[in-house]
Amino acid sequence: MHWPRVLVAATRRIVSWLLPALVVTSVAAGDFAYVTNQNSDEVSVLDLDAGVELRRVSVPGKPAGIAADGQGQFYTVSPDSKTVRRIDAATDAILAEAVLEGGPIGVALDMARGHAFVSDWYNARLWVLDAATLVELGTLETGSAPAGLAVSPDGGLLACADRDADEVSVFELATLTLLHRVAVGERPFGLGFAPDGRLFVGNVGSDDVTVLDALTGERLATVPVGSRPYGVAFAAGRAFVTNQYADTVSAIDLATLAPIATIDVGEYPEGIDSTTDQTRVVVANWFSNSVSVIDANNLEVVAEIETGDGPRAFGKFVVKGK
């Protein structure tokens, strides 16, 4: 039986209103996504197991960058107001905020050392902030127009995609020093570390992904993907890349680095992350006001969840519930 779309949408909204009161004792069981909605100045909080939007948190300034710390907080970057916020995931209270004069866009966390990093699109640098207070501790020099940030699985490295320089800057987190800069494809924007430590960089200008040994700076491969690759995530022994102009996600085998599938998702997919059990991939569709959930093994979309207007989710946005 095919239910009318209006009825399905209405049912989802009713469930989303009721669910927070019904799952208080079982919140810790599943994964949650914190999706920045740039057009509507909100963050959508999604219960990925239930497949519903629980609520929307007001975040002024057109939020784009996001980093959920897995410890009950998430960080947002609002480029229009130049504001970074640390928000309590349980109460939605703002715990700290800072205005950064420049062009803040991407954010990544090193919670072991108490640092948050924010890329400055206009000034070729990263801000180093105290993760608790968001007080500025210093800056790191990058190439031109730094965008996406990622921390390696072992917590040793920080990588930054320097879009207008066609390169990636890699820093040693223990000393906050530059390890090297590596040339990649054209206009790198999003990037991510695979579980084995290799760095995958989405090049929006050349429609490919550069694979690096981040520790040595060696370029290992260039993998063709769809039009305007943006974000990268990993699950089930595969890399997944959002293709903005193609409305698809490319799947790449991590063992062979061969493209193995192209998956249709919503319109203009951007942010992408994987669930904590590495079985599903979550994709934010900016123009569709939704996220697509992909089964990482079967390479099929298994759910669509409504969000606010203009979901970007640029960063790490999926965590285990607390």
Protein backbone atom coordinates (compact mmCIF):
# COMPACT_ATOMS: atom_id res chain seq x y z
CA MET A 1 0.00 0.00 0.00
CA HIS A 2 1.42 3.44 -0.96
CA TRP A 3 0.56 6.17 1.52
CA PRO A 4 0.14 9.75 0.21
CA ARG A 5 3.24 11.88 0.76
CA VAL A 6 1.27 14.45 2.74
CA LEU A 7 0.07 11.78 5.17
CA VAL A 8 3.56 10.33 5.55
CA ALA A 9 5.06 13.76 6.20
CA ALA A 10 2.35 14.60 8.74
CA THR A 11 2.88 11.29 10.54
CA ARG A 12 6.63 11.92 10.74
CA ARG A 13 6.06 15.36 12.24
CA ILE A 14 3.69 14.00 14.87
CA VAL A 15 6.15 11.25 15.79
CA SER A 16 8.98 13.79 15.98
CA TRP A 17 6.95 15.90 18.44
CA LEU A 18 6.08 12.95 20.65
CA LEU A 19 9.33 11.01 20.51
CA PRO A 20 11.50 13.12 22.85
CA ALA A 21 9.07 12.45 25.71
CA LEU A 22 8.90 8.75 24.91
CA VAL A 23 12.59 7.89 24.61
CA VAL A 24 14.14 9.66 27.59
CA THR A 25 15.15 6.36 29.20
CA SER A 26 16.54 4.86 25.98
CA VAL A 27 18.36 7.77 24.32
CA ALA A 28 21.77 6.18 24.85
CA ALA A 29 20.95 3.19 22.69
CA GLY A 30 21.20 4.72 19.23
CA ASP A 31 23.01 7.15 16.98
CA PHE A 32 22.04 10.79 16.61
CA ALA A 33 22.84 13.32 13.89
CA TYR A 34 23.27 17.06 14.39
CA VAL A 35 22.65 18.69 11.02
CA THR A 36 23.25 22.41 10.44
CA ASN A 37 20.46 24.03 8.40
CA GLN A 38 22.06 27.11 6.90
CA ASN A 39 18.97 28.69 5.38
CA SER A 40 16.73 28.39 8.45
CA ASP A 41 19.37 29.15 11.14
CA GLU A 42 18.89 25.84 12.94
CA VAL A 43 20.39 22.50 13.80
CA SER A 44 18.16 19.48 13.21
CA VAL A 45 18.58 16.75 15.83
CA LEU A 46 17.84 13.37 14.23
CA ASP A 47 17.29 9.97 15.82
CA LEU A 48 18.83 7.79 13.11
CA ASP A 49 17.49 4.50 14.47
CA ALA A 50 13.92 5.79 14.65
CA GLY A 51 14.33 7.67 11.38
CA VAL A 52 12.83 10.93 12.66
CA GLU A 53 13.74 14.51 13.39
CA LEU A 54 13.41 15.06 17.14
CA ARG A 55 13.67 18.85 17.25
CA ARG A 56 15.36 21.91 15.83
CA VAL A 57 17.80 24.08 17.76
CA SER A 58 17.98 27.78 16.91
CA VAL A 59 21.50 28.74 15.78
CA PRO A 60 21.67 32.25 14.25
CA GLY A 61 24.13 33.35 11.58
CA LYS A 62 23.62 30.71 8.85
CA PRO A 63 25.38 27.73 10.47
CA ALA A 64 27.40 25.42 8.20
CA GLY A 65 30.31 23.82 10.07
CA ILE A 66 29.53 21.20 12.71
CA ALA A 67 31.48 18.97 15.07
CA ALA A 68 29.79 16.65 17.58
CA ASP A 69 32.20 15.59 20.30
CA GLY A 70 30.54 12.35 21.39
CA GLN A 71 30.54 13.64 24.98
CA GLY A 72 27.18 15.37 24.95
CA GLN A 73 28.07 18.57 23.12
CA PHE A 74 28.24 19.87 19.58
CA TYR A 75 30.03 22.83 18.03
CA THR A 76 28.66 25.01 15.23
CA VAL A 77 30.21 27.60 12.93
CA SER A 78 27.98 30.40 11.59
CA PRO A 79 29.86 32.21 8.79
CA ASP A 80 27.44 35.14 8.49
CA SER A 81 27.80 36.16 12.12
CA LYS A 82 31.37 34.83 12.38
CA THR A 83 30.31 32.95 15.51
CA VAL A 84 31.43 29.60 16.92
CA ARG A 85 29.23 28.01 19.59
CA ARG A 86 29.51 25.05 21.96
CA ILE A 87 26.02 23.68 22.66
CA ASP A 88 24.76 21.14 25.17
CA ALA A 89 23.17 18.31 23.19
CA ALA A 90 20.71 17.43 25.95
CA THR A 91 19.39 20.88 26.85
CA ASP A 92 20.27 22.88 23.70
CA ALA A 93 21.86 25.49 25.97
CA ILE A 94 24.77 27.55 24.62
CA LEU A 95 27.73 26.73 26.84
CA ALA A 96 30.25 29.02 25.15
CA GLU A 97 30.48 31.21 22.08
CA ALA A 98 33.08 33.35 20.35
CA VAL A 99 33.09 35.80 17.46
CA LEU A 100 36.07 35.23 15.16
CA GLU A 101 36.96 38.14 12.89
CA GLY A 102 37.61 36.59 9.51
CA GLY A 103 35.86 33.85 7.59
CA PRO A 104 35.17 30.91 9.91
CA ILE A 105 33.79 27.86 8.10
CA GLY A 106 35.09 24.39 9.10
CA VAL A 107 35.57 22.96 12.59
CA ALA A 108 37.29 19.91 14.07
CA LEU A 109 38.02 18.78 17.62
CA ASP A 110 40.96 17.37 19.55
CA MET A 111 39.20 16.66 22.82
CA ALA A 112 42.17 14.74 24.23
CA ARG A 113 44.16 17.98 24.30
CA GLY A 114 41.18 20.29 24.82
CA HIS A 115 41.41 22.04 21.47
CA ALA A 116 38.91 23.10 18.82
CA PHE A 117 40.14 24.15 15.38
CA VAL A 118 38.27 26.50 13.03
CA SER A 119 39.35 27.32 9.47
CA ASP A 120 39.54 30.97 8.39
CA TRP A 121 38.53 31.10 4.73
CA TYR A 122 39.70 34.69 4.26
CA ASN A 123 43.06 34.71 6.01
CA ALA A 124 44.82 31.38 5.27
CA ARG A 125 44.92 30.21 8.86
CA LEU A 126 43.29 28.04 11.49
CA TRP A 127 42.21 29.33 14.85
CA VAL A 128 43.23 27.16 17.81
CA LEU A 129 40.57 27.53 20.50
CA ASP A 130 40.15 26.20 24.01
CA ALA A 131 37.48 23.54 23.48
CA ALA A 132 35.63 24.45 26.68
CA THR A 133 35.68 28.24 26.66
CA LEU A 134 36.34 28.92 22.93
CA VAL A 135 39.03 31.39 23.95
CA GLU A 136 41.62 31.81 21.19
CA LEU A 137 44.94 30.14 22.01
CA GLY A 138 46.75 30.81 18.75
CA THR A 139 46.68 30.33 14.99
CA LEU A 140 48.21 27.96 12.44
CA GLU A 141 49.18 29.10 8.94
CA THR A 142 47.61 27.27 5.99
CA GLY A 143 47.39 27.66 2.25
CA SER A 144 44.81 29.96 0.66
CA ALA A 145 41.09 29.51 1.52
CA PRO A 146 41.19 26.71 4.11
CA ALA A 147 37.88 24.84 4.34
CA GLY A 148 37.42 21.26 5.58
CA LEU A 149 39.24 19.92 8.63
CA ALA A 150 39.79 16.37 9.86
CA VAL A 151 41.60 14.69 12.76
CA SER A 152 43.27 11.32 12.19
CA PRO A 153 41.86 8.22 13.94
CA ASP A 154 44.90 7.96 16.23
CA GLY A 155 44.59 11.62 17.24
CA GLY A 156 48.04 12.45 15.92
CA LEU A 157 47.33 14.59 12.86
CA LEU A 158 45.12 17.45 11.73
CA ALA A 159 44.49 17.92 8.00
CA CYS A 160 43.12 21.04 6.31
CA ALA A 161 41.90 21.36 2.71
CA ASP A 162 43.34 24.61 1.29
CA ARG A 163 40.93 25.18 -1.58
CA ASP A 164 42.51 28.02 -3.53
CA ALA A 165 46.02 26.61 -3.11
CA ASP A 166 45.09 23.15 -4.47
CA GLU A 167 46.81 21.56 -1.52
CA VAL A 168 46.35 20.03 1.91
CA SER A 169 48.13 21.22 5.06
CA VAL A 170 48.93 18.51 7.63
CA PHE A 171 49.78 19.42 11.23
CA GLU A 172 51.11 17.38 14.13
CA LEU A 173 48.59 17.78 16.93
CA ALA A 174 50.95 17.14 19.84
CA THR A 175 53.16 20.09 18.90
CA LEU A 176 50.77 22.13 16.70
CA THR A 177 53.44 22.32 14.01
CA LEU A 178 53.17 21.99 10.24
CA LEU A 179 54.28 18.56 9.06
CA HIS A 180 53.95 19.26 5.33
CA ARG A 181 51.81 20.67 2.56
CA VAL A 182 50.82 18.35 -0.27
CA ALA A 183 49.52 19.21 -3.73
CA VAL A 184 46.20 17.51 -4.53
CA GLY A 185 43.53 18.03 -7.21
CA GLU A 186 41.74 21.24 -8.06
CA ARG A 187 39.81 23.09 -5.36
CA PRO A 188 39.91 20.64 -2.45
CA PHE A 189 37.11 21.33 0.02
CA GLY A 190 36.09 18.35 2.18
CA LEU A 191 38.36 15.59 3.41
CA GLY A 192 38.49 12.69 5.84
CA PHE A 193 40.78 10.07 7.33
CA ALA A 194 40.04 6.41 6.61
CA PRO A 195 40.21 3.99 9.56
CA ASP A 196 43.74 2.98 8.50
CA GLY A 197 44.95 6.60 8.53
CA ARG A 198 44.99 7.33 4.81
CA LEU A 199 43.63 10.77 3.92
CA PHE A 200 40.93 11.14 1.25
CA VAL A 201 40.47 14.62 -0.24
CA GLY A 202 37.46 15.66 -2.35
CA ASN A 203 38.51 17.98 -5.18
CA VAL A 204 35.47 19.95 -6.35
CA GLY A 205 37.32 21.44 -9.31
CA SER A 206 38.68 18.24 -10.84
CA ASP A 207 35.90 15.77 -9.96
CA ASP A 208 38.19 13.33 -8.22
CA VAL A 209 39.53 12.26 -4.84
CA THR A 210 43.21 12.39 -3.92
CA VAL A 211 44.37 9.64 -1.56
CA LEU A 212 47.38 10.51 0.61
CA ASP A 213 49.65 8.95 3.16
CA ALA A 214 49.15 11.84 5.55
CA LEU A 215 52.18 11.00 7.68
CA THR A 216 54.69 11.00 4.82
CA GLY A 217 52.86 13.25 2.38
CA GLU A 218 53.00 10.65 -0.39
CA ARG A 219 50.23 10.78 -2.99
CA LEU A 220 48.90 7.24 -3.29
CA ALA A 221 46.13 7.54 -5.88
CA THR A 222 43.66 9.77 -7.69
CA VAL A 223 40.17 8.28 -7.93
CA PRO A 224 37.52 9.69 -10.32
CA VAL A 225 34.09 10.37 -8.80
CA GLY A 226 31.01 12.40 -9.73
CA SER A 227 30.58 16.10 -10.41
CA ARG A 228 31.73 18.45 -7.62
CA PRO A 229 32.81 16.04 -4.86
CA TYR A 230 32.36 17.67 -1.48
CA GLY A 231 32.49 15.46 1.64
CA VAL A 232 34.02 12.09 2.51
CA ALA A 233 33.03 9.39 5.03
CA PHE A 234 33.93 5.75 5.66
CA ALA A 235 31.98 2.60 6.48
CA ALA A 236 32.06 -1.15 5.78
CA GLY A 237 35.51 -1.04 4.17
CA ARG A 238 34.51 1.70 1.75
CA ALA A 239 34.88 5.42 1.22
CA PHE A 240 31.76 7.42 0.37
CA VAL A 241 31.93 10.78 -1.43
CA THR A 242 29.07 13.25 -1.95
CA ASN A 243 28.82 14.65 -5.51
CA GLN A 244 27.02 18.00 -5.31
CA TYR A 245 26.11 18.51 -8.98
CA ALA A 246 25.31 14.85 -9.68
CA ASP A 247 22.95 14.30 -6.71
CA THR A 248 24.84 11.09 -5.98
CA VAL A 249 27.30 9.45 -3.61
CA SER A 250 30.30 7.55 -5.00
CA ALA A 251 31.44 4.41 -3.16
CA ILE A 252 35.14 3.46 -3.33
CA ASP A 253 36.62 0.15 -2.18
CA LEU A 254 39.30 0.90 0.41
CA ALA A 255 41.36 -2.18 -0.43
CA THR A 256 41.63 -1.57 -4.19
CA LEU A 257 40.71 2.15 -4.40
CA ALA A 258 38.36 1.22 -7.24
CA PRO A 259 35.00 2.98 -7.62
CA ILE A 260 32.35 0.32 -7.02
CA ALA A 261 28.97 2.10 -7.04
CA THR A 262 27.13 5.36 -7.60
CA ILE A 263 24.14 5.88 -5.31
CA ASP A 264 21.33 8.34 -6.02
CA VAL A 265 20.47 10.54 -3.03
CA GLY A 266 18.71 13.88 -2.57
CA GLU A 267 19.43 17.12 -4.39
CA TYR A 268 22.83 18.77 -3.89
CA PRO A 269 24.37 16.43 -1.29
CA GLU A 270 27.07 17.98 0.86
CA GLY A 271 27.87 16.85 4.42
CA ILE A 272 28.39 13.13 4.99
CA ASP A 273 29.22 10.99 8.02
CA SER A 274 28.94 7.36 9.12
CA THR A 275 27.15 5.77 12.05
CA THR A 276 29.24 4.63 14.99
CA ASP A 277 28.87 0.96 14.06
CA GLN A 278 30.10 1.73 10.51
CA THR A 279 27.04 0.14 8.87
CA ARG A 280 25.27 3.24 7.55
CA VAL A 281 26.20 6.50 5.90
CA VAL A 282 24.24 9.71 6.47
CA VAL A 283 24.11 12.36 3.72
CA ALA A 284 22.80 15.94 4.06
CA ASN A 285 20.93 17.07 0.93
CA TRP A 286 21.09 20.87 0.88
CA PHE A 287 18.39 21.50 -1.73
CA SER A 288 16.06 18.64 -0.66
CA ASN A 289 15.88 19.60 3.03
CA SER A 290 16.56 16.02 4.03
CA VAL A 291 19.20 13.47 4.86
CA SER A 292 19.57 10.18 3.02
CA VAL A 293 20.65 7.12 5.01
CA ILE A 294 22.65 4.57 3.01
CA ASP A 295 23.21 0.92 3.93
CA ALA A 296 27.00 0.76 3.60
CA ASN A 297 27.00 -2.95 2.80
CA ASN A 298 24.14 -3.12 0.29
CA LEU A 299 24.88 0.35 -1.12
CA GLU A 300 21.22 1.33 -1.09
CA VAL A 301 19.31 4.25 0.43
CA VAL A 302 17.24 2.81 3.26
CA ALA A 303 15.72 5.98 4.73
CA GLU A 304 15.02 9.66 4.12
CA ILE A 305 14.60 12.02 7.09
CA GLU A 306 13.29 15.57 6.85
CA THR A 307 15.38 18.45 8.20
CA GLY A 308 15.20 22.22 8.31
CA ASP A 309 15.92 24.42 5.31
CA GLY A 310 19.33 24.04 3.69
CA PRO A 311 21.08 21.19 5.53
CA ARG A 312 24.86 21.47 5.17
CA ALA A 313 26.36 19.34 7.99
CA PHE A 314 29.93 20.27 7.06
CA GLY A 315 31.97 18.17 9.48
CA LYS A 316 31.53 15.25 11.91
CA PHE A 317 27.88 15.24 12.91
CA VAL A 318 26.92 11.66 13.92
CA VAL A 319 27.49 10.39 17.48
CA LYS A 320 26.23 7.77 19.89
CA GLY A 321 23.45 9.12 22.09
CA LYS A 322 24.24 9.99 25.70
